[in-house]
């Protein structure tokens, strides 16, 4: 038969597979051509025990995009010192937020929910031509395993969507690196498009603004200011050409303008510092204490760089950073959740995917 959708002749042997009409009888089955969409997030340990945490942290902290020190110096320190202790503290942090009903991290739960919501909308619009899946840069489901599975299911074209609004080498770049490494192992590579950062995407700013408005509407009184806390990176990355700092600043400026807030009502900070070198400032944990000491008794805080709530938001912000503010004299600390699988977030993802799928569907 002739398949107008794939523009080639096939004789179907079973649903989703077939062989070329003029191919020899022993030719391997050829899957019907499809398009893949992969939503990609940072990653998650498989469990909170010592060895699960050690495997996850070793993969994460061995990435030269994340820690770019010489391996001759870094690996002995990492494997011999850091990973002898850090899995215990990180495991405790994960246990405090773990989704016990599904026995998985909240990041995994939310990313799956996002994927299912996007898949339902794509199926409604384009039918079964597009397969939607998700992958993690570290941990499972791994990026190589997902890309190889999609290729085996007939995806000759794949849109690879890192869920990092602001571009940075340790996030967007390393996710793309892993995708390209997976392609290097394939005999038949699919064509691949990587989705760029969307820090100033109007629908992203709108979704953030609505989340703030909804949170403020539920409070008895308006917070003194809004803290936008972004994941930090070493300060030298800015001077080496990484645009992350500038993109974070622009996201917060656009959000402030959309909300109609004064300049002094929105503060940009950076959290999750690691190691001894200087990172982007001000540090969230220090800045909220300074704000409390300066008389700001009520702050709201959000994390625009995270597409899903995770250990850095549910544990770090709601524990360490909250305690820093309250311990310095603050009285009320409200965390505004990430966009997660909220309707506005899914609408934004679909708008980006429609643009990136142009010419393929």
Protein backbone atom coordinates (compact mmCIF):
# COMPACT_ATOMS: atom_id res chain seq x y z
CA UNK A 1 0.00 0.00 0.00
CA UNK A 2 1.04 3.64 -0.35
CA UNK A 3 1.24 5.68 2.83
CA UNK A 4 0.54 9.31 1.91
CA UNK A 5 1.44 10.42 5.41
CA UNK A 6 5.00 9.16 5.19
CA UNK A 7 5.26 9.57 1.41
CA UNK A 8 6.50 6.02 0.91
CA UNK A 9 5.20 2.60 -0.07
CA UNK A 10 4.77 0.06 2.72
CA UNK A 11 3.11 -3.25 3.31
CA UNK A 12 1.91 -3.33 6.90
CA UNK A 13 2.73 -6.46 8.89
CA UNK A 14 1.24 -5.25 12.19
CA UNK A 15 0.04 -1.89 13.55
CA UNK A 16 2.82 0.67 13.54
CA UNK A 17 5.24 -1.47 11.55
CA UNK A 18 5.68 -2.52 7.98
CA UNK A 19 8.22 -3.30 5.28
CA UNK A 20 9.03 -1.48 2.08
CA UNK A 21 6.91 -2.87 -0.74
CA UNK A 22 9.92 -3.86 -2.84
CA UNK A 23 12.15 -4.99 0.01
CA UNK A 24 13.27 -8.64 0.25
CA UNK A 25 11.25 -10.92 2.49
CA UNK A 26 13.92 -11.03 5.17
CA UNK A 27 14.18 -7.24 5.46
CA UNK A 28 13.65 -6.08 9.07
CA UNK A 29 10.26 -4.47 9.75
CA UNK A 30 10.22 -0.68 9.34
CA UNK A 31 8.19 1.34 11.83
CA UNK A 32 5.71 3.83 10.41
CA UNK A 33 7.32 7.27 10.41
CA UNK A 34 6.33 9.40 13.38
CA UNK A 35 7.45 12.54 15.21
CA UNK A 36 8.65 12.52 18.79
CA UNK A 37 8.40 15.23 21.45
CA UNK A 38 10.55 14.88 24.56
CA UNK A 39 10.12 17.08 27.63
CA UNK A 40 13.41 17.13 29.55
CA UNK A 41 14.15 18.04 33.14
CA UNK A 42 17.18 17.88 35.40
CA UNK A 43 16.72 14.50 37.02
CA UNK A 44 15.94 12.57 40.14
CA UNK A 45 17.35 9.77 42.26
CA UNK A 46 15.52 6.45 42.05
CA UNK A 47 15.23 6.30 45.85
CA UNK A 48 16.49 8.13 48.94
CA UNK A 49 18.85 5.48 50.31
CA UNK A 50 22.61 6.05 50.39
CA UNK A 51 23.54 4.12 47.22
CA UNK A 52 20.70 5.51 45.12
CA UNK A 53 21.66 9.02 46.17
CA UNK A 54 25.34 8.34 45.56
CA UNK A 55 24.71 7.08 42.01
CA UNK A 56 22.59 10.11 41.22
CA UNK A 57 24.96 12.65 42.76
CA UNK A 58 27.98 11.04 41.15
CA UNK A 59 26.42 11.34 37.70
CA UNK A 60 25.27 14.89 38.36
CA UNK A 61 28.48 16.20 39.94
CA UNK A 62 30.72 14.42 37.41
CA UNK A 63 29.19 16.43 34.55
CA UNK A 64 31.83 18.86 33.31
CA UNK A 65 29.05 21.32 32.45
CA UNK A 66 28.06 21.39 36.13
CA UNK A 67 31.50 21.23 37.75
CA UNK A 68 34.15 22.30 35.26
CA UNK A 69 37.20 21.76 37.44
CA UNK A 70 39.90 19.40 36.16
CA UNK A 71 38.85 15.76 36.79
CA UNK A 72 42.37 15.09 38.08
CA UNK A 73 41.54 17.38 40.99
CA UNK A 74 37.77 17.03 41.20
CA UNK A 75 37.14 13.28 40.92
CA UNK A 76 39.30 12.21 43.90
CA UNK A 77 37.63 14.91 46.00
CA UNK A 78 34.16 13.96 44.75
CA UNK A 79 34.47 10.18 45.03
CA UNK A 80 36.59 10.10 48.18
CA UNK A 81 35.22 12.92 50.30
CA UNK A 82 31.99 14.54 49.03
CA UNK A 83 30.16 11.32 48.13
CA UNK A 84 31.01 9.73 51.45
CA UNK A 85 28.82 12.31 53.24
CA UNK A 86 26.55 14.19 50.86
CA UNK A 87 24.25 11.21 49.99
CA UNK A 88 23.13 11.16 53.65
CA UNK A 89 22.19 14.85 53.77
CA UNK A 90 20.70 14.88 50.28
CA UNK A 91 18.78 11.68 51.04
CA UNK A 92 17.28 13.30 54.12
CA UNK A 93 16.23 16.33 52.08
CA UNK A 94 14.57 14.14 49.46
CA UNK A 95 12.82 12.01 52.10
CA UNK A 96 11.21 15.14 53.53
CA UNK A 97 9.45 15.83 50.21
CA UNK A 98 9.23 12.31 48.69
CA UNK A 99 5.98 11.25 47.00
CA UNK A 100 5.41 8.14 49.09
CA UNK A 101 2.21 7.18 47.26
CA UNK A 102 4.15 6.70 44.01
CA UNK A 103 7.55 6.11 45.63
CA UNK A 104 9.18 8.81 43.55
CA UNK A 105 10.35 12.39 43.75
CA UNK A 106 7.88 15.25 43.18
CA UNK A 107 9.91 16.29 40.13
CA UNK A 108 9.23 12.93 38.49
CA UNK A 109 5.54 13.06 39.38
CA UNK A 110 5.10 16.59 38.05
CA UNK A 111 7.10 15.98 34.85
CA UNK A 112 4.92 12.95 34.12
CA UNK A 113 1.79 15.02 34.73
CA UNK A 114 3.08 17.72 32.37
CA UNK A 115 3.84 15.11 29.71
CA UNK A 116 0.41 13.53 29.97
CA UNK A 117 -1.27 16.93 29.67
CA UNK A 118 0.79 17.89 26.61
CA UNK A 119 0.28 14.44 25.04
CA UNK A 120 -3.50 14.73 25.40
CA UNK A 121 -3.56 18.10 23.65
CA UNK A 122 -1.25 16.92 20.89
CA UNK A 123 -3.34 13.80 20.31
CA UNK A 124 -6.48 15.92 20.11
CA UNK A 125 -4.90 18.11 17.45
CA UNK A 126 -2.67 15.75 15.45
CA UNK A 127 -3.80 12.26 16.35
CA UNK A 128 -1.22 9.51 16.83
CA UNK A 129 1.39 10.95 14.48
CA UNK A 130 3.30 12.42 17.42
CA UNK A 131 4.63 10.46 20.40
CA UNK A 132 5.17 12.53 23.55
CA UNK A 133 7.54 11.33 26.27
CA UNK A 134 9.79 12.75 28.97
CA UNK A 135 13.40 12.21 30.00
CA UNK A 136 15.85 13.26 32.68
CA UNK A 137 19.40 14.49 32.21
CA UNK A 138 20.47 12.56 35.31
CA UNK A 139 18.80 9.44 36.65
CA UNK A 140 15.78 7.76 35.06
CA UNK A 141 14.19 7.73 32.59
CA UNK A 142 17.52 8.58 30.99
CA UNK A 143 17.78 10.73 27.89
CA UNK A 144 19.54 8.03 25.79
CA UNK A 145 16.96 5.37 26.69
CA UNK A 146 14.03 7.61 25.74
CA UNK A 147 15.54 8.79 22.45
CA UNK A 148 16.47 5.24 21.45
CA UNK A 149 12.97 4.02 22.27
CA UNK A 150 11.37 6.78 20.19
CA UNK A 151 13.68 6.01 17.28
CA UNK A 152 12.73 2.33 17.51
CA UNK A 153 9.05 3.32 17.46
CA UNK A 154 9.54 5.11 14.17
CA UNK A 155 10.25 8.69 15.21
CA UNK A 156 12.35 10.05 12.37
CA UNK A 157 12.06 13.60 13.74
CA UNK A 158 12.21 14.62 17.39
CA UNK A 159 11.60 17.93 19.17
CA UNK A 160 13.80 17.97 22.28
CA UNK A 161 12.41 20.40 24.86
CA UNK A 162 14.63 21.25 27.87
CA UNK A 163 12.29 22.70 30.50
CA UNK A 164 14.68 25.47 31.53
CA UNK A 165 13.21 28.92 30.85
CA UNK A 166 16.61 30.64 31.13
CA UNK A 167 19.57 29.20 29.22
CA UNK A 168 22.69 28.14 31.07
CA UNK A 169 25.52 25.75 30.29
CA UNK A 170 24.83 23.54 33.37
CA UNK A 171 21.15 23.14 32.42
CA UNK A 172 20.07 23.63 28.80
CA UNK A 173 23.48 22.92 27.30
CA UNK A 174 24.15 19.72 29.21
CA UNK A 175 20.65 18.41 28.39
CA UNK A 176 21.33 19.00 24.70
CA UNK A 177 24.79 17.45 25.02
CA UNK A 178 23.26 14.26 26.34
CA UNK A 179 20.80 14.12 23.45
CA UNK A 180 23.60 14.51 20.93
CA UNK A 181 25.64 11.81 22.68
CA UNK A 182 22.68 9.46 22.35
CA UNK A 183 22.49 10.18 18.60
CA UNK A 184 26.14 9.20 18.27
CA UNK A 185 25.19 5.64 19.26
CA UNK A 186 22.44 5.26 16.65
CA UNK A 187 22.84 3.67 13.24
CA UNK A 188 19.80 5.61 12.02
CA UNK A 189 19.68 9.03 13.61
CA UNK A 190 16.41 10.94 13.76
CA UNK A 191 16.46 14.60 12.84
CA UNK A 192 16.33 16.62 16.06
CA UNK A 193 15.30 20.14 16.99
CA UNK A 194 16.24 21.59 20.37
CA UNK A 195 13.89 24.14 21.87
CA UNK A 196 15.64 27.39 22.86
CA UNK A 197 15.27 29.16 26.19
CA UNK A 198 11.92 30.90 26.66
CA UNK A 199 12.74 33.39 29.42
CA UNK A 200 10.85 36.22 27.66
CA UNK A 201 8.09 34.16 26.05
CA UNK A 202 4.90 36.21 26.56
CA UNK A 203 2.85 33.19 27.64
CA UNK A 204 5.54 32.21 30.16
CA UNK A 205 5.51 35.69 31.68
CA UNK A 206 1.71 35.61 31.69
CA UNK A 207 1.65 32.25 33.46
CA UNK A 208 4.08 33.50 36.11
CA UNK A 209 2.04 36.68 36.60
CA UNK A 210 -1.22 34.79 37.02
CA UNK A 211 0.37 32.50 39.59
CA UNK A 212 1.46 35.57 41.58
CA UNK A 213 -1.96 37.20 41.27
CA UNK A 214 -3.69 34.01 42.41
CA UNK A 215 -1.36 33.69 45.41
CA UNK A 216 -1.75 37.35 46.40
CA UNK A 217 -5.53 37.09 46.12
CA UNK A 218 -5.50 34.38 48.76
CA UNK A 219 -3.51 36.42 51.29
CA UNK A 220 -5.05 38.60 53.99
CA UNK A 221 -2.64 41.40 53.17
CA UNK A 222 -0.26 42.19 50.35
CA UNK A 223 3.39 41.11 50.89
CA UNK A 224 5.98 43.83 51.30
CA UNK A 225 7.77 42.51 48.24
CA UNK A 226 8.17 39.56 45.87
CA UNK A 227 11.46 37.64 45.82
CA UNK A 228 12.24 35.89 42.54
CA UNK A 229 14.82 33.24 43.45
CA UNK A 230 16.78 31.61 40.64
CA UNK A 231 19.17 28.68 40.83
CA UNK A 232 22.71 30.04 41.07
CA UNK A 233 25.81 29.47 38.96
CA UNK A 234 29.41 30.59 39.54
CA UNK A 235 29.79 34.31 38.89
CA UNK A 236 32.61 33.70 36.42
CA UNK A 237 30.13 32.00 34.07
CA UNK A 238 28.65 35.44 33.39
CA UNK A 239 32.07 36.79 32.38
CA UNK A 240 32.71 33.69 30.25
CA UNK A 241 29.66 34.39 28.11
CA UNK A 242 26.84 32.45 29.77
CA UNK A 243 23.62 34.54 29.34
CA UNK A 244 21.83 33.08 32.36
CA UNK A 245 22.19 36.08 34.67
CA UNK A 246 20.89 38.51 32.06
CA UNK A 247 17.98 36.27 31.15
CA UNK A 248 16.97 35.90 34.81
CA UNK A 249 17.02 39.68 35.20
CA UNK A 250 14.87 40.12 32.10
CA UNK A 251 12.33 37.52 33.24
CA UNK A 252 11.88 39.33 36.54
CA UNK A 253 11.68 42.74 34.85
CA UNK A 254 9.01 41.54 32.42
CA UNK A 255 7.10 39.90 35.25
CA UNK A 256 7.24 43.09 37.32
CA UNK A 257 6.03 45.16 34.40
CA UNK A 258 3.19 42.73 33.67
CA UNK A 259 2.13 42.83 37.33
CA UNK A 260 2.40 46.60 37.49
CA UNK A 261 4.68 46.43 40.54
CA UNK A 262 7.17 49.14 41.47
CA UNK A 263 10.87 48.39 41.03
CA UNK A 264 11.38 48.06 44.78
CA UNK A 265 8.59 45.48 45.03
CA UNK A 266 10.51 42.74 43.17
CA UNK A 267 13.93 41.42 44.20
CA UNK A 268 16.13 39.06 42.15
CA UNK A 269 18.21 36.54 44.11
CA UNK A 270 20.12 33.28 43.51
CA UNK A 271 20.02 30.10 45.58
CA UNK A 272 21.69 26.67 45.82
CA UNK A 273 25.30 27.81 46.03
CA UNK A 274 27.85 24.97 45.95
CA UNK A 275 31.58 25.09 46.68
CA UNK A 276 33.80 27.94 47.83
CA UNK A 277 33.99 30.26 44.80
CA UNK A 278 31.78 33.32 44.33
CA UNK A 279 28.38 32.66 42.75
CA UNK A 280 25.81 35.06 41.34
CA UNK A 281 24.58 37.44 44.03
CA UNK A 282 22.68 38.28 46.08
CA UNK A 283 22.36 34.84 47.67
CA UNK A 284 18.71 34.16 48.48
CA UNK A 285 19.36 32.78 51.95
CA UNK A 286 21.33 35.90 52.93
CA UNK A 287 19.13 38.42 51.14
CA UNK A 288 15.89 37.35 52.82
CA UNK A 289 17.59 37.76 56.21
CA UNK A 290 18.80 41.23 55.20
CA UNK A 291 15.28 42.15 54.07
CA UNK A 292 13.83 41.02 57.40
CA UNK A 293 16.42 43.04 59.31
CA UNK A 294 15.53 46.05 57.13
CA UNK A 295 11.92 45.82 58.27
CA UNK A 296 10.31 43.70 55.56
CA UNK A 297 8.03 41.52 57.67
CA UNK A 298 6.11 39.73 54.92
CA UNK A 299 7.64 38.40 51.69
CA UNK A 300 6.39 36.13 48.93
CA UNK A 301 8.95 34.07 47.04
CA UNK A 302 8.85 32.20 43.76
CA UNK A 303 11.36 30.26 41.64
CA UNK A 304 10.87 31.21 37.97
CA UNK A 305 13.83 29.11 36.75
CA UNK A 306 12.19 25.85 37.81
CA UNK A 307 9.45 24.38 35.63
CA UNK A 308 8.46 21.92 38.36
CA UNK A 309 8.68 21.89 42.12
CA UNK A 310 11.63 19.87 43.36
CA UNK A 311 14.06 19.56 46.24
CA UNK A 312 15.41 23.08 45.63
CA UNK A 313 11.95 24.60 46.04
CA UNK A 314 10.04 22.26 48.32
CA UNK A 315 12.93 21.68 50.72
CA UNK A 316 15.53 24.44 50.27
CA UNK A 317 13.14 27.39 49.92
CA UNK A 318 10.51 26.11 52.33
CA UNK A 319 13.06 25.08 54.94
CA UNK A 320 16.49 26.76 54.90
CA UNK A 321 15.46 30.01 53.21
CA UNK A 322 12.22 30.31 55.19
CA UNK A 323 14.12 29.80 58.45
CA UNK A 324 16.65 32.45 57.45
CA UNK A 325 13.89 35.02 56.96
CA UNK A 326 11.91 34.18 60.08
CA UNK A 327 15.05 33.89 62.20
CA UNK A 328 16.07 37.43 61.21
CA UNK A 329 12.78 38.92 62.34
CA UNK A 330 10.46 38.24 59.43
CA UNK A 331 6.88 37.35 60.29
CA UNK A 332 5.28 35.80 57.22
CA UNK A 333 6.92 33.88 54.38
CA UNK A 334 4.76 32.69 51.46
CA UNK A 335 6.11 30.36 48.81
CA UNK A 336 4.40 30.55 45.41
CA UNK A 337 4.63 27.12 43.73
CA UNK A 338 6.23 26.54 40.34
CA UNK A 339 4.00 26.44 37.27
CA UNK A 340 4.04 22.62 37.37
CA UNK A 341 1.15 21.13 35.36
CA UNK A 342 -1.10 24.17 35.69
CA UNK A 343 -3.26 25.02 32.69
CA UNK A 344 -1.38 28.24 31.86
CA UNK A 345 1.90 26.32 31.81
CA UNK A 346 0.56 23.62 29.47
CA UNK A 347 -0.86 26.30 27.15
CA UNK A 348 2.58 27.91 27.03
CA UNK A 349 4.30 24.59 26.27
CA UNK A 350 1.84 23.88 23.47
CA UNK A 351 2.42 27.31 21.91
CA UNK A 352 6.18 26.69 21.89
CA UNK A 353 5.76 23.18 20.49
CA UNK A 354 3.45 24.40 17.71
CA UNK A 355 6.18 26.84 16.68
CA UNK A 356 8.94 24.22 16.87
CA UNK A 357 6.88 21.62 14.99
CA UNK A 358 6.27 24.02 12.11
CA UNK A 359 7.12 22.37 8.81
CA UNK A 360 6.94 18.89 10.34
CA UNK A 361 3.18 18.77 10.86
